[in-house]
Amino acid sequence: MPNEIALQYIEDGDQQASAGTEFTDSGILLHEGAHVPRVGEFVQMLLNNSSKTYVVKSVITRIVILGDAAPGSTAYVTLGPVPEESRRLSIINE
């Protein structure tokens, strides 16, 4: 079973997170040693010719062990809007 990250999105004041229109919640396979974002970190999504920055609101990891199959895990990362006071910290100048 692979290790992956599933992204979801929540706006301030929402009752629960969803994939919404920001991005899909399909799993992203992780390479060995890949970094799982931590709460409070900024995540920059690069989609085609655009980019948008989010802040990590929560991370929940589900570990699955089924019989003789190799164990696997999914990290459910909930992203939200970057607070106004942190917006200038999230900009990457390249």
C-alpha atoms as a PDB file:
ATOM      1  CA  MET A   1       0.000   0.000   0.000  1.00  0.00           C
ATOM      2  CA  PRO A   2       1.506   3.377  -0.967  1.00  0.00           C
ATOM      3  CA  ASN A   3       2.093   6.383   1.253  1.00  0.00           C
ATOM      4  CA  GLU A   4       0.303   9.487   0.047  1.00  0.00           C
ATOM      5  CA  ILE A   5      -1.039  12.943   0.886  1.00  0.00           C
ATOM      6  CA  ALA A   6      -4.680  13.873   0.305  1.00  0.00           C
ATOM      7  CA  LEU A   7      -5.436  17.600   0.260  1.00  0.00           C
ATOM      8  CA  GLN A   8      -8.664  19.229   1.336  1.00  0.00           C
ATOM      9  CA  TYR A   9      -9.679  22.866   1.840  1.00  0.00           C
ATOM     10  CA  ILE A  10     -11.543  24.786   4.522  1.00  0.00           C
ATOM     11  CA  GLU A  11     -12.552  28.443   4.637  1.00  0.00           C
ATOM     12  CA  ASP A  12     -12.671  30.248   7.972  1.00  0.00           C
ATOM     13  CA  GLY A  13     -16.125  29.630   9.452  1.00  0.00           C
ATOM     14  CA  ASP A  14     -16.863  26.445   7.448  1.00  0.00           C
ATOM     15  CA  GLN A  15     -18.267  23.472   9.364  1.00  0.00           C
ATOM     16  CA  GLN A  16     -16.112  20.906   7.539  1.00  0.00           C
ATOM     17  CA  ALA A  17     -13.403  20.699   4.949  1.00  0.00           C
ATOM     18  CA  SER A  18     -14.003  19.696   1.348  1.00  0.00           C
ATOM     19  CA  ALA A  19     -12.137  19.552  -1.940  1.00  0.00           C
ATOM     20  CA  GLY A  20     -14.273  22.481  -3.094  1.00  0.00           C
ATOM     21  CA  THR A  21     -13.206  24.313  -6.221  1.00  0.00           C
ATOM     22  CA  GLU A  22      -9.657  25.024  -5.029  1.00  0.00           C
ATOM     23  CA  PHE A  23      -8.158  21.614  -5.897  1.00  0.00           C
ATOM     24  CA  THR A  24      -9.057  17.948  -5.858  1.00  0.00           C
ATOM     25  CA  ASP A  25      -8.614  15.662  -2.874  1.00  0.00           C
ATOM     26  CA  SER A  26      -7.096  12.846  -4.928  1.00  0.00           C
ATOM     27  CA  GLY A  27      -4.016  11.321  -3.346  1.00  0.00           C
ATOM     28  CA  ILE A  28      -0.500  12.463  -4.198  1.00  0.00           C
ATOM     29  CA  LEU A  29       2.047   9.665  -3.890  1.00  0.00           C
ATOM     30  CA  LEU A  30       5.015  10.454  -1.660  1.00  0.00           C
ATOM     31  CA  HIS A  31       8.606   9.637  -2.535  1.00  0.00           C
ATOM     32  CA  GLU A  32      10.665   7.982   0.161  1.00  0.00           C
ATOM     33  CA  GLY A  33      11.755  10.660   2.624  1.00  0.00           C
ATOM     34  CA  ALA A  34       9.267  13.219   1.280  1.00  0.00           C
ATOM     35  CA  HIS A  35       8.115  15.970   3.616  1.00  0.00           C
ATOM     36  CA  VAL A  36       4.556  16.029   4.964  1.00  0.00           C
ATOM     37  CA  PRO A  37       3.615  19.655   5.704  1.00  0.00           C
ATOM     38  CA  ARG A  38       3.123  20.581   9.353  1.00  0.00           C
ATOM     39  CA  VAL A  39       0.399  22.736  10.897  1.00  0.00           C
ATOM     40  CA  GLY A  40       1.160  26.426  10.334  1.00  0.00           C
ATOM     41  CA  GLU A  41       3.382  25.877   7.295  1.00  0.00           C
ATOM     42  CA  PHE A  42       2.643  27.523   3.975  1.00  0.00           C
ATOM     43  CA  VAL A  43       1.950  25.316   0.959  1.00  0.00           C
ATOM     44  CA  GLN A  44       2.273  26.809  -2.511  1.00  0.00           C
ATOM     45  CA  MET A  45       0.192  25.054  -5.174  1.00  0.00           C
ATOM     46  CA  LEU A  46       1.510  25.382  -8.720  1.00  0.00           C
ATOM     47  CA  LEU A  47      -1.265  24.572 -11.170  1.00  0.00           C
ATOM     48  CA  ASN A  48      -0.509  25.050 -14.858  1.00  0.00           C
ATOM     49  CA  ASN A  49       0.469  28.741 -15.156  1.00  0.00           C
ATOM     50  CA  SER A  50      -0.780  29.935 -11.762  1.00  0.00           C
ATOM     51  CA  SER A  51       0.215  29.566  -8.142  1.00  0.00           C
ATOM     52  CA  LYS A  52      -1.601  30.124  -4.878  1.00  0.00           C
ATOM     53  CA  THR A  53      -0.407  29.894  -1.302  1.00  0.00           C
ATOM     54  CA  TYR A  54      -2.327  28.245   1.555  1.00  0.00           C
ATOM     55  CA  VAL A  55      -1.631  27.625   5.231  1.00  0.00           C
ATOM     56  CA  VAL A  56      -1.829  24.134   6.762  1.00  0.00           C
ATOM     57  CA  LYS A  57      -4.699  24.032   9.282  1.00  0.00           C
ATOM     58  CA  SER A  58      -4.464  20.361  10.306  1.00  0.00           C
ATOM     59  CA  VAL A  59      -2.799  17.063   9.448  1.00  0.00           C
ATOM     60  CA  ILE A  60      -4.417  13.707  10.181  1.00  0.00           C
ATOM     61  CA  THR A  61      -2.522  10.529   9.317  1.00  0.00           C
ATOM     62  CA  ARG A  62      -4.355   7.264   8.646  1.00  0.00           C
ATOM     63  CA  ILE A  63      -2.166   4.150   8.871  1.00  0.00           C
ATOM     64  CA  VAL A  64      -3.537   0.999   7.249  1.00  0.00           C
ATOM     65  CA  ILE A  65      -2.300  -2.530   7.990  1.00  0.00           C
ATOM     66  CA  LEU A  66      -4.205  -5.258   6.148  1.00  0.00           C
ATOM     67  CA  GLY A  67      -3.126  -8.871   6.575  1.00  0.00           C
ATOM     68  CA  ASP A  68      -0.009  -9.720   4.598  1.00  0.00           C
ATOM     69  CA  ALA A  69      -0.061  -6.525   2.506  1.00  0.00           C
ATOM     70  CA  ALA A  70       2.622  -3.924   3.114  1.00  0.00           C
ATOM     71  CA  PRO A  71       1.392  -1.204   5.482  1.00  0.00           C
ATOM     72  CA  GLY A  72       0.609   2.188   4.022  1.00  0.00           C
ATOM     73  CA  SER A  73      -0.519   5.589   5.145  1.00  0.00           C
ATOM     74  CA  THR A  74      -2.404   8.644   3.972  1.00  0.00           C
ATOM     75  CA  ALA A  75      -1.792  12.093   5.454  1.00  0.00           C
ATOM     76  CA  TYR A  76      -4.947  14.203   5.146  1.00  0.00           C
ATOM     77  CA  VAL A  77      -3.717  17.790   4.979  1.00  0.00           C
ATOM     78  CA  THR A  78      -6.351  20.493   5.454  1.00  0.00           C
ATOM     79  CA  LEU A  79      -5.381  23.792   3.846  1.00  0.00           C
ATOM     80  CA  GLY A  80      -6.991  27.172   4.318  1.00  0.00           C
ATOM     81  CA  PRO A  81      -6.527  30.805   3.376  1.00  0.00           C
ATOM     82  CA  VAL A  82      -3.390  32.568   4.570  1.00  0.00           C
ATOM     83  CA  PRO A  83      -4.309  35.080   7.313  1.00  0.00           C
ATOM     84  CA  GLU A  84      -3.878  38.688   6.230  1.00  0.00           C
ATOM     85  CA  GLU A  85      -1.183  39.363   8.851  1.00  0.00           C
ATOM     86  CA  SER A  86       0.886  36.436   7.491  1.00  0.00           C
ATOM     87  CA  ARG A  87       0.370  37.125   3.779  1.00  0.00           C
ATOM     88  CA  ARG A  88       3.688  38.895   3.210  1.00  0.00           C
ATOM     89  CA  LEU A  89       5.562  36.011   4.901  1.00  0.00           C
ATOM     90  CA  SER A  90       4.129  33.528   2.396  1.00  0.00           C
ATOM     91  CA  ILE A  91       5.528  35.232  -0.717  1.00  0.00           C
ATOM     92  CA  ILE A  92       8.506  33.585  -2.400  1.00  0.00           C
ATOM     93  CA  ASN A  93      10.676  35.987  -4.406  1.00  0.00           C
ATOM     94  CA  GLU A  94      12.463  34.119  -7.168  1.00  0.00           C
END
